[in-house]
Amino acid sequence: MNAQAEQATSVADIVKLVICPFLIIVGVIAFYHFADILFIYRVLGLVAIVALSVGICFTTAKGQSLWQFMLESKHEMKRVVWPTRDETVRTTLLVFAMVFIVGLILWLLDMFLFWAVQLLMNQGIQ
């Protein structure tokens, strides 16, 4: 196991992480407050504020570790062996067939149990 000691979070990082959601909240409030301005400008302003907030978050230690994780994930995705189109189609058809068969079995079981309960309660065939 690779146990890592927890790193002490600096005060600047804590302040940045508190400012990020606050900026997004202010952006959403401003989006609705300035309803008389064209919609496209409000959307662009909100997108800019969210981008600024994400940028600030990525300057923290936790943001840097998240960015590193995303880069490693991208590298790992390149190493995955993806199924071919033929394998995907065959697997999908097999799943559909199995779902149909299981559904048919459950429907028949339900019909039989309904018939048995009706027969037991003397509500069935007279």
N, C-alpha and C. Protein backbone atom coordinates (compact mmCIF):
# COMPACT_ATOMS: atom_id res chain seq x y z
N MET A 1 0.83 -1.19 0.00
CA MET A 1 0.00 0.00 0.00
C MET A 1 0.87 1.24 0.00
N ASN A 2 0.36 2.22 -0.65
CA ASN A 2 1.08 3.48 -0.75
C ASN A 2 0.36 4.50 0.11
N ALA A 3 0.74 4.59 1.36
CA ALA A 3 0.08 5.53 2.28
C ALA A 3 0.81 6.86 2.22
N GLN A 4 0.05 7.90 1.96
CA GLN A 4 0.64 9.23 1.91
C GLN A 4 0.18 10.01 3.13
N ALA A 5 1.11 10.76 3.69
CA ALA A 5 0.76 11.60 4.83
C ALA A 5 -0.06 12.78 4.33
N GLU A 6 -1.02 13.20 5.12
CA GLU A 6 -1.83 14.34 4.72
C GLU A 6 -0.98 15.60 4.73
N GLN A 7 -1.16 16.37 3.68
CA GLN A 7 -0.41 17.61 3.58
C GLN A 7 -1.22 18.71 4.26
N ALA A 8 -0.51 19.58 4.93
CA ALA A 8 -1.18 20.70 5.58
C ALA A 8 -1.65 21.68 4.51
N THR A 9 -2.92 22.07 4.59
CA THR A 9 -3.48 23.00 3.63
C THR A 9 -3.14 24.42 4.07
N SER A 10 -2.62 25.20 3.15
CA SER A 10 -2.23 26.57 3.51
C SER A 10 -3.48 27.45 3.61
N VAL A 11 -3.32 28.56 4.29
CA VAL A 11 -4.43 29.50 4.48
C VAL A 11 -4.85 30.07 3.13
N ALA A 12 -3.89 30.33 2.24
CA ALA A 12 -4.21 30.87 0.92
C ALA A 12 -5.08 29.90 0.13
N ASP A 13 -4.77 28.60 0.23
CA ASP A 13 -5.59 27.60 -0.47
C ASP A 13 -7.01 27.57 0.09
N ILE A 14 -7.14 27.66 1.39
CA ILE A 14 -8.48 27.66 2.01
C ILE A 14 -9.26 28.88 1.55
N VAL A 15 -8.60 30.03 1.51
CA VAL A 15 -9.28 31.25 1.06
C VAL A 15 -9.72 31.11 -0.39
N LYS A 16 -8.85 30.56 -1.23
CA LYS A 16 -9.19 30.37 -2.63
C LYS A 16 -10.37 29.40 -2.79
N LEU A 17 -10.37 28.31 -2.01
CA LEU A 17 -11.45 27.34 -2.11
C LEU A 17 -12.77 27.89 -1.59
N VAL A 18 -12.72 28.88 -0.70
CA VAL A 18 -13.95 29.52 -0.22
C VAL A 18 -14.44 30.54 -1.25
N ILE A 19 -13.51 31.20 -1.92
CA ILE A 19 -13.87 32.23 -2.90
C ILE A 19 -14.53 31.60 -4.14
N CYS A 20 -14.10 30.41 -4.54
CA CYS A 20 -14.61 29.80 -5.77
C CYS A 20 -16.13 29.62 -5.77
N PRO A 21 -16.72 28.95 -4.81
CA PRO A 21 -18.19 28.83 -4.85
C PRO A 21 -18.88 30.18 -4.65
N PHE A 22 -18.26 31.07 -3.88
CA PHE A 22 -18.83 32.40 -3.67
C PHE A 22 -18.91 33.15 -5.00
N LEU A 23 -17.86 33.03 -5.84
CA LEU A 23 -17.88 33.68 -7.15
C LEU A 23 -19.00 33.12 -8.02
N ILE A 24 -19.20 31.82 -7.99
CA ILE A 24 -20.25 31.21 -8.80
C ILE A 24 -21.62 31.68 -8.32
N ILE A 25 -21.83 31.75 -7.01
CA ILE A 25 -23.10 32.23 -6.47
C ILE A 25 -23.34 33.68 -6.89
N VAL A 26 -22.30 34.51 -6.80
CA VAL A 26 -22.42 35.91 -7.22
C VAL A 26 -22.74 35.98 -8.72
N GLY A 27 -22.11 35.12 -9.51
CA GLY A 27 -22.38 35.10 -10.95
C GLY A 27 -23.81 34.74 -11.27
N VAL A 28 -24.36 33.76 -10.57
CA VAL A 28 -25.76 33.36 -10.80
C VAL A 28 -26.70 34.48 -10.38
N ILE A 29 -26.42 35.10 -9.25
CA ILE A 29 -27.26 36.22 -8.79
C ILE A 29 -27.19 37.36 -9.80
N ALA A 30 -25.99 37.66 -10.30
CA ALA A 30 -25.85 38.73 -11.29
C ALA A 30 -26.56 38.37 -12.58
N PHE A 31 -26.55 37.10 -12.95
CA PHE A 31 -27.24 36.65 -14.16
C PHE A 31 -28.72 37.00 -14.10
N TYR A 32 -29.34 36.78 -12.97
CA TYR A 32 -30.77 37.08 -12.83
C TYR A 32 -31.03 38.55 -12.51
N HIS A 33 -30.09 39.19 -11.86
CA HIS A 33 -30.28 40.60 -11.50
C HIS A 33 -30.28 41.49 -12.74
N PHE A 34 -29.40 41.19 -13.68
CA PHE A 34 -29.30 42.00 -14.89
C PHE A 34 -30.14 41.38 -16.01
N ALA A 35 -31.41 41.16 -15.74
CA ALA A 35 -32.31 40.53 -16.71
C ALA A 35 -32.57 41.43 -17.92
N ASP A 36 -32.36 42.74 -17.79
CA ASP A 36 -32.63 43.65 -18.90
C ASP A 36 -31.51 43.63 -19.94
N ILE A 37 -30.37 43.04 -19.63
CA ILE A 37 -29.26 42.93 -20.59
C ILE A 37 -29.51 41.70 -21.46
N LEU A 38 -29.00 41.74 -22.69
CA LEU A 38 -29.19 40.62 -23.62
C LEU A 38 -28.75 39.30 -22.99
N PHE A 39 -29.50 38.26 -23.31
CA PHE A 39 -29.26 36.93 -22.73
C PHE A 39 -27.85 36.43 -23.04
N ILE A 40 -27.38 36.63 -24.27
CA ILE A 40 -26.07 36.11 -24.66
C ILE A 40 -24.96 36.73 -23.82
N TYR A 41 -25.09 38.02 -23.50
CA TYR A 41 -24.06 38.67 -22.68
C TYR A 41 -24.09 38.15 -21.25
N ARG A 42 -25.28 37.88 -20.75
CA ARG A 42 -25.38 37.33 -19.39
C ARG A 42 -24.78 35.93 -19.33
N VAL A 43 -25.04 35.12 -20.36
CA VAL A 43 -24.49 33.76 -20.41
C VAL A 43 -22.97 33.82 -20.51
N LEU A 44 -22.46 34.69 -21.39
CA LEU A 44 -21.00 34.82 -21.52
C LEU A 44 -20.36 35.29 -20.22
N GLY A 45 -21.02 36.20 -19.52
CA GLY A 45 -20.51 36.65 -18.22
C GLY A 45 -20.49 35.53 -17.20
N LEU A 46 -21.55 34.72 -17.18
CA LEU A 46 -21.61 33.60 -16.25
C LEU A 46 -20.54 32.56 -16.58
N VAL A 47 -20.36 32.29 -17.86
CA VAL A 47 -19.32 31.34 -18.27
C VAL A 47 -17.94 31.86 -17.87
N ALA A 48 -17.72 33.16 -18.04
CA ALA A 48 -16.43 33.75 -17.67
C ALA A 48 -16.20 33.63 -16.16
N ILE A 49 -17.23 33.87 -15.36
CA ILE A 49 -17.08 33.77 -13.91
C ILE A 49 -16.81 32.33 -13.49
N VAL A 50 -17.52 31.37 -14.11
CA VAL A 50 -17.27 29.96 -13.78
C VAL A 50 -15.86 29.56 -14.19
N ALA A 51 -15.40 30.02 -15.36
CA ALA A 51 -14.03 29.72 -15.80
C ALA A 51 -13.01 30.33 -14.84
N LEU A 52 -13.25 31.55 -14.40
CA LEU A 52 -12.37 32.18 -13.43
C LEU A 52 -12.34 31.39 -12.12
N SER A 53 -13.51 30.94 -11.68
CA SER A 53 -13.59 30.17 -10.44
C SER A 53 -12.84 28.85 -10.56
N VAL A 54 -13.01 28.17 -11.68
CA VAL A 54 -12.30 26.91 -11.89
C VAL A 54 -10.80 27.16 -11.96
N GLY A 55 -10.41 28.24 -12.62
CA GLY A 55 -8.99 28.58 -12.70
C GLY A 55 -8.40 28.85 -11.33
N ILE A 56 -9.13 29.54 -10.49
CA ILE A 56 -8.66 29.79 -9.12
C ILE A 56 -8.55 28.48 -8.35
N CYS A 57 -9.53 27.62 -8.52
CA CYS A 57 -9.49 26.33 -7.81
C CYS A 57 -8.28 25.49 -8.22
N PHE A 58 -7.91 25.56 -9.50
CA PHE A 58 -6.78 24.77 -9.97
C PHE A 58 -5.43 25.33 -9.52
N THR A 59 -5.43 26.50 -8.92
CA THR A 59 -4.15 27.03 -8.40
C THR A 59 -3.87 26.55 -6.99
N THR A 60 -4.82 25.85 -6.37
CA THR A 60 -4.59 25.32 -5.02
C THR A 60 -3.90 23.97 -5.10
N ALA A 61 -3.45 23.47 -3.96
CA ALA A 61 -2.79 22.16 -3.92
C ALA A 61 -3.77 21.05 -4.30
N LYS A 62 -5.00 21.15 -3.80
CA LYS A 62 -6.01 20.14 -4.16
C LYS A 62 -6.35 20.21 -5.63
N GLY A 63 -6.41 21.42 -6.18
CA GLY A 63 -6.66 21.59 -7.60
C GLY A 63 -5.55 21.01 -8.45
N GLN A 64 -4.32 21.21 -8.01
CA GLN A 64 -3.18 20.65 -8.73
C GLN A 64 -3.21 19.12 -8.71
N SER A 65 -3.57 18.54 -7.56
CA SER A 65 -3.66 17.08 -7.49
C SER A 65 -4.81 16.57 -8.35
N LEU A 66 -5.91 17.31 -8.41
CA LEU A 66 -7.03 16.92 -9.28
C LEU A 66 -6.60 16.99 -10.74
N TRP A 67 -5.88 18.04 -11.12
CA TRP A 67 -5.40 18.18 -12.49
C TRP A 67 -4.44 17.04 -12.84
N GLN A 68 -3.57 16.69 -11.91
CA GLN A 68 -2.65 15.57 -12.13
C GLN A 68 -3.41 14.26 -12.31
N PHE A 69 -4.46 14.07 -11.51
CA PHE A 69 -5.29 12.87 -11.62
C PHE A 69 -5.96 12.81 -12.99
N MET A 70 -6.46 13.96 -13.46
CA MET A 70 -7.12 14.00 -14.77
C MET A 70 -6.12 13.67 -15.89
N LEU A 71 -4.91 14.18 -15.78
CA LEU A 71 -3.89 13.87 -16.80
C LEU A 71 -3.53 12.38 -16.78
N GLU A 72 -3.40 11.80 -15.60
CA GLU A 72 -3.11 10.37 -15.49
C GLU A 72 -4.27 9.53 -16.02
N SER A 73 -5.49 9.99 -15.78
CA SER A 73 -6.66 9.27 -16.30
C SER A 73 -6.68 9.30 -17.82
N LYS A 74 -6.35 10.45 -18.40
CA LYS A 74 -6.29 10.57 -19.85
C LYS A 74 -5.23 9.61 -20.41
N HIS A 75 -4.09 9.54 -19.75
CA HIS A 75 -3.02 8.64 -20.18
C HIS A 75 -3.49 7.18 -20.07
N GLU A 76 -4.20 6.88 -19.00
CA GLU A 76 -4.68 5.51 -18.79
C GLU A 76 -5.74 5.13 -19.83
N MET A 77 -6.56 6.10 -20.25
CA MET A 77 -7.60 5.82 -21.25
C MET A 77 -6.97 5.43 -22.59
N LYS A 78 -5.79 5.94 -22.88
CA LYS A 78 -5.11 5.58 -24.12
C LYS A 78 -4.65 4.14 -24.10
N ARG A 79 -4.46 3.58 -22.93
CA ARG A 79 -3.97 2.20 -22.81
C ARG A 79 -5.09 1.18 -22.81
N VAL A 80 -6.34 1.63 -22.75
CA VAL A 80 -7.48 0.71 -22.72
C VAL A 80 -7.66 0.08 -24.10
N VAL A 81 -7.92 -1.21 -24.12
CA VAL A 81 -8.22 -1.90 -25.36
C VAL A 81 -9.73 -1.92 -25.53
N TRP A 82 -10.23 -1.14 -26.48
CA TRP A 82 -11.66 -1.02 -26.69
C TRP A 82 -12.16 -2.14 -27.59
N PRO A 83 -13.41 -2.60 -27.38
CA PRO A 83 -13.94 -3.66 -28.24
C PRO A 83 -14.19 -3.14 -29.66
N THR A 84 -14.17 -4.07 -30.60
CA THR A 84 -14.44 -3.69 -31.99
C THR A 84 -15.93 -3.48 -32.16
N ARG A 85 -16.30 -2.92 -33.30
CA ARG A 85 -17.72 -2.68 -33.59
C ARG A 85 -18.50 -3.99 -33.61
N ASP A 86 -17.91 -5.04 -34.21
CA ASP A 86 -18.58 -6.34 -34.29
C ASP A 86 -18.81 -6.93 -32.90
N GLU A 87 -17.81 -6.83 -32.03
CA GLU A 87 -17.98 -7.34 -30.66
C GLU A 87 -19.07 -6.56 -29.91
N THR A 88 -19.11 -5.25 -30.11
CA THR A 88 -20.10 -4.42 -29.44
C THR A 88 -21.51 -4.77 -29.91
N VAL A 89 -21.69 -4.95 -31.22
CA VAL A 89 -23.01 -5.29 -31.76
C VAL A 89 -23.45 -6.65 -31.26
N ARG A 90 -22.55 -7.63 -31.29
CA ARG A 90 -22.92 -8.97 -30.82
C ARG A 90 -23.28 -8.97 -29.33
N THR A 91 -22.52 -8.26 -28.54
CA THR A 91 -22.80 -8.20 -27.11
C THR A 91 -24.13 -7.51 -26.84
N THR A 92 -24.40 -6.43 -27.57
CA THR A 92 -25.67 -5.71 -27.39
C THR A 92 -26.85 -6.60 -27.77
N LEU A 93 -26.75 -7.30 -28.89
CA LEU A 93 -27.84 -8.19 -29.30
C LEU A 93 -28.04 -9.32 -28.28
N LEU A 94 -26.96 -9.82 -27.73
CA LEU A 94 -27.06 -10.86 -26.72
C LEU A 94 -27.77 -10.34 -25.47
N VAL A 95 -27.45 -9.13 -25.07
CA VAL A 95 -28.11 -8.53 -23.91
C VAL A 95 -29.60 -8.36 -24.18
N PHE A 96 -29.97 -7.85 -25.37
CA PHE A 96 -31.39 -7.70 -25.71
C PHE A 96 -32.11 -9.05 -25.69
N ALA A 97 -31.47 -10.08 -26.24
CA ALA A 97 -32.09 -11.41 -26.26
C ALA A 97 -32.29 -11.95 -24.85
N MET A 98 -31.30 -11.78 -24.00
CA MET A 98 -31.42 -12.28 -22.62
C MET A 98 -32.49 -11.51 -21.85
N VAL A 99 -32.58 -10.22 -22.06
CA VAL A 99 -33.62 -9.44 -21.39
C VAL A 99 -35.00 -9.91 -21.85
N PHE A 100 -35.15 -10.17 -23.15
CA PHE A 100 -36.43 -10.66 -23.66
C PHE A 100 -36.78 -12.02 -23.06
N ILE A 101 -35.81 -12.92 -23.01
CA ILE A 101 -36.06 -14.27 -22.47
C ILE A 101 -36.41 -14.21 -20.99
N VAL A 102 -35.67 -13.45 -20.22
CA VAL A 102 -35.95 -13.33 -18.78
C VAL A 102 -37.31 -12.68 -18.57
N GLY A 103 -37.63 -11.67 -19.37
CA GLY A 103 -38.94 -11.02 -19.27
C GLY A 103 -40.06 -12.01 -19.58
N LEU A 104 -39.88 -12.84 -20.59
CA LEU A 104 -40.88 -13.85 -20.95
C LEU A 104 -41.05 -14.87 -19.82
N ILE A 105 -39.94 -15.32 -19.24
CA ILE A 105 -40.02 -16.27 -18.12
C ILE A 105 -40.74 -15.65 -16.93
N LEU A 106 -40.42 -14.40 -16.60
CA LEU A 106 -41.09 -13.75 -15.48
C LEU A 106 -42.59 -13.53 -15.76
N TRP A 107 -42.92 -13.22 -17.00
CA TRP A 107 -44.33 -13.04 -17.36
C TRP A 107 -45.08 -14.36 -17.21
N LEU A 108 -44.48 -15.46 -17.68
CA LEU A 108 -45.13 -16.77 -17.54
C LEU A 108 -45.27 -17.16 -16.07
N LEU A 109 -44.24 -16.91 -15.27
CA LEU A 109 -44.31 -17.20 -13.84
C LEU A 109 -45.40 -16.38 -13.17
N ASP A 110 -45.51 -15.12 -13.53
CA ASP A 110 -46.56 -14.26 -12.98
C ASP A 110 -47.94 -14.78 -13.36
N MET A 111 -48.12 -15.18 -14.61
CA MET A 111 -49.42 -15.71 -15.06
C MET A 111 -49.78 -16.99 -14.30
N PHE A 112 -48.79 -17.88 -14.12
CA PHE A 112 -49.04 -19.12 -13.40
C PHE A 112 -49.40 -18.84 -11.94
N LEU A 113 -48.65 -17.96 -11.28
CA LEU A 113 -48.94 -17.66 -9.88
C LEU A 113 -50.30 -16.97 -9.74
N PHE A 114 -50.67 -16.10 -10.66
CA PHE A 114 -51.99 -15.46 -10.63
C PHE A 114 -53.09 -16.50 -10.76
N TRP A 115 -52.89 -17.45 -11.69
CA TRP A 115 -53.87 -18.52 -11.88
C TRP A 115 -53.97 -19.38 -10.61
N ALA A 116 -52.83 -19.71 -9.98
CA ALA A 116 -52.83 -20.54 -8.78
C ALA A 116 -53.51 -19.83 -7.62
N VAL A 117 -53.29 -18.54 -7.45
CA VAL A 117 -53.93 -17.81 -6.36
C VAL A 117 -55.43 -17.73 -6.59
N GLN A 118 -55.84 -17.51 -7.84
CA GLN A 118 -57.28 -17.48 -8.14
C GLN A 118 -57.91 -18.84 -7.85
N LEU A 119 -57.23 -19.91 -8.20
CA LEU A 119 -57.75 -21.26 -7.96
C LEU A 119 -57.85 -21.54 -6.47
N LEU A 120 -56.86 -21.12 -5.69
CA LEU A 120 -56.87 -21.34 -4.25
C LEU A 120 -57.98 -20.55 -3.55
N MET A 121 -58.31 -19.41 -4.09
CA MET A 121 -59.32 -18.57 -3.45
C MET A 121 -60.71 -18.81 -4.04
N ASN A 122 -60.84 -19.86 -4.82
CA ASN A 122 -62.12 -20.25 -5.43
C ASN A 122 -62.72 -19.14 -6.29
N GLN A 123 -61.87 -18.37 -6.90
CA GLN A 123 -62.36 -17.35 -7.81
C GLN A 123 -62.02 -17.72 -9.25
N GLY A 124 -61.43 -18.85 -9.39
CA GLY A 124 -60.97 -19.26 -10.71
C GLY A 124 -62.11 -19.88 -11.50
N ILE A 125 -61.83 -20.96 -12.15
CA ILE A 125 -62.79 -21.64 -13.02
C ILE A 125 -63.93 -22.18 -12.17
N GLN A 126 -65.14 -21.95 -12.62
CA GLN A 126 -66.33 -22.37 -11.85
C GLN A 126 -67.02 -23.50 -12.55
